C-alpha atoms as a PDB file:
ATOM      1  CA  UNK A   1      31.272  -5.048 -11.361  1.00  0.00           C
ATOM      2  CA  UNK A   2      31.071  -5.331  -7.577  1.00  0.00           C
ATOM      3  CA  UNK A   3      29.140  -2.049  -7.390  1.00  0.00           C
ATOM      4  CA  UNK A   4      26.638  -3.324  -9.961  1.00  0.00           C
ATOM      5  CA  UNK A   5      25.947  -6.402  -7.874  1.00  0.00           C
ATOM      6  CA  UNK A   6      25.445  -4.254  -4.782  1.00  0.00           C
ATOM      7  CA  UNK A   7      23.024  -1.948  -6.620  1.00  0.00           C
ATOM      8  CA  UNK A   8      20.989  -4.849  -7.988  1.00  0.00           C
ATOM      9  CA  UNK A   9      20.871  -6.526  -4.576  1.00  0.00           C
ATOM     10  CA  UNK A  10      19.751  -3.271  -2.956  1.00  0.00           C
ATOM     11  CA  UNK A  11      16.963  -2.816  -5.499  1.00  0.00           C
ATOM     12  CA  UNK A  12      15.800  -6.384  -4.931  1.00  0.00           C
ATOM     13  CA  UNK A  13      15.781  -5.894  -1.164  1.00  0.00           C
ATOM     14  CA  UNK A  14      13.813  -2.648  -1.521  1.00  0.00           C
ATOM     15  CA  UNK A  15      11.163  -4.341  -3.676  1.00  0.00           C
ATOM     16  CA  UNK A  16      10.807  -7.081  -1.063  1.00  0.00           C
ATOM     17  CA  UNK A  17      10.357  -4.466   1.640  1.00  0.00           C
ATOM     18  CA  UNK A  18       7.536  -2.863  -0.347  1.00  0.00           C
ATOM     19  CA  UNK A  19       5.993  -6.281  -0.972  1.00  0.00           C
ATOM     20  CA  UNK A  20       5.829  -6.976   2.746  1.00  0.00           C
ATOM     21  CA  UNK A  21       4.644  -3.440   3.523  1.00  0.00           C
ATOM     22  CA  UNK A  22       1.471  -3.652   1.437  1.00  0.00           C
ATOM     23  CA  UNK A  23      -0.356  -6.230   3.594  1.00  0.00           C
ATOM     24  CA  UNK A  24       0.497  -4.277   6.729  1.00  0.00           C
ATOM     25  CA  UNK A  25      -0.941  -1.103   5.243  1.00  0.00           C
ATOM     26  CA  UNK A  26      -4.084  -2.965   4.177  1.00  0.00           C
ATOM     27  CA  UNK A  27      -4.502  -4.263   7.742  1.00  0.00           C
ATOM     28  CA  UNK A  28      -4.223  -0.723   9.123  1.00  0.00           C
ATOM     29  CA  UNK A  29      -6.931   0.449   6.719  1.00  0.00           C
ATOM     30  CA  UNK A  30      -9.156  -2.526   7.550  1.00  0.00           C
ATOM     31  CA  UNK A  31      -8.774  -1.856  11.276  1.00  0.00           C
ATOM     32  CA  UNK A  32      -9.556   1.868  11.023  1.00  0.00           C
ATOM     33  CA  UNK A  33     -12.433   1.748   8.541  1.00  0.00           C
ATOM     34  CA  UNK A  34     -15.205   0.396  10.811  1.00  0.00           C
ATOM     35  CA  UNK A  35     -14.827   3.212  13.352  1.00  0.00           C
ATOM     36  CA  UNK A  36     -13.874   6.018  10.954  1.00  0.00           C
ATOM     37  CA  UNK A  37     -16.064   9.115  10.880  1.00  0.00           C
ATOM     38  CA  UNK A  38     -16.362   9.406   7.095  1.00  0.00           C
ATOM     39  CA  UNK A  39     -19.089  10.406   4.712  1.00  0.00           C
ATOM     40  CA  UNK A  40     -20.518   7.586   2.637  1.00  0.00           C
ATOM     41  CA  UNK A  41     -18.662   8.896  -0.399  1.00  0.00           C
ATOM     42  CA  UNK A  42     -15.304   8.993   1.419  1.00  0.00           C
ATOM     43  CA  UNK A  43     -15.854   5.538   2.936  1.00  0.00           C
ATOM     44  CA  UNK A  44     -16.605   4.190  -0.527  1.00  0.00           C
ATOM     45  CA  UNK A  45     -13.479   5.847  -1.925  1.00  0.00           C
ATOM     46  CA  UNK A  46     -11.343   4.352   0.860  1.00  0.00           C
ATOM     47  CA  UNK A  47     -12.744   0.889   0.090  1.00  0.00           C
ATOM     48  CA  UNK A  48     -12.056   1.356  -3.625  1.00  0.00           C
ATOM     49  CA  UNK A  49      -8.498   2.555  -2.998  1.00  0.00           C
ATOM     50  CA  UNK A  50      -7.866  -0.335  -0.623  1.00  0.00           C
ATOM     51  CA  UNK A  51      -9.132  -2.844  -3.204  1.00  0.00           C
ATOM     52  CA  UNK A  52      -7.018  -1.227  -5.931  1.00  0.00           C
ATOM     53  CA  UNK A  53      -3.991  -1.345  -3.634  1.00  0.00           C
ATOM     54  CA  UNK A  54      -4.519  -5.068  -3.092  1.00  0.00           C
ATOM     55  CA  UNK A  55      -4.845  -5.675  -6.841  1.00  0.00           C
ATOM     56  CA  UNK A  56      -1.621  -3.779  -7.505  1.00  0.00           C
ATOM     57  CA  UNK A  57       0.132  -5.731  -4.741  1.00  0.00           C
ATOM     58  CA  UNK A  58      -0.961  -9.039  -6.248  1.00  0.00           C
ATOM     59  CA  UNK A  59       0.252  -7.843  -9.658  1.00  0.00           C
ATOM     60  CA  UNK A  60       3.700  -7.161  -8.195  1.00  0.00           C
ATOM     61  CA  UNK A  61       3.372  -3.378  -8.506  1.00  0.00           C
ATOM     62  CA  UNK A  62       4.318  -2.686  -4.915  1.00  0.00           C
ATOM     63  CA  UNK A  63       5.343   0.963  -5.145  1.00  0.00           C
ATOM     64  CA  UNK A  64       2.063   1.783  -6.912  1.00  0.00           C
ATOM     65  CA  UNK A  65       0.192  -0.264  -4.320  1.00  0.00           C
ATOM     66  CA  UNK A  66       1.834   1.601  -1.453  1.00  0.00           C
ATOM     67  CA  UNK A  67       0.964   4.968  -3.051  1.00  0.00           C
ATOM     68  CA  UNK A  68      -2.673   3.937  -3.498  1.00  0.00           C
ATOM     69  CA  UNK A  69      -2.894   2.643   0.063  1.00  0.00           C
ATOM     70  CA  UNK A  70      -1.327   5.895   1.299  1.00  0.00           C
ATOM     71  CA  UNK A  71      -4.164   7.804  -0.380  1.00  0.00           C
ATOM     72  CA  UNK A  72      -6.693   5.617   1.439  1.00  0.00           C
ATOM     73  CA  UNK A  73      -4.889   6.169   4.752  1.00  0.00           C
ATOM     74  CA  UNK A  74      -4.865   9.921   4.163  1.00  0.00           C
ATOM     75  CA  UNK A  75      -8.658   9.911   3.784  1.00  0.00           C
ATOM     76  CA  UNK A  76      -8.893   7.934   7.027  1.00  0.00           C
ATOM     77  CA  UNK A  77      -6.614  10.389   8.803  1.00  0.00           C
ATOM     78  CA  UNK A  78      -3.910   7.805   9.443  1.00  0.00           C
END
């Protein structure tokens, strides 16, 4: 029983960590985008991925949001 409580608490803490990580990742993307040397198509894709990441964050899908934001950061070279 004690182990179950520890596992549930750990999962809850991990989801909170992802929830707080999303805005930080969005800020990094926002800061890098204006000076990034990207084609118009790549810049548009980064903006779309960033917007999708924010939508997923607001929907509580933090791991999916972080993955989407990671794709945007990869395009930016971050």
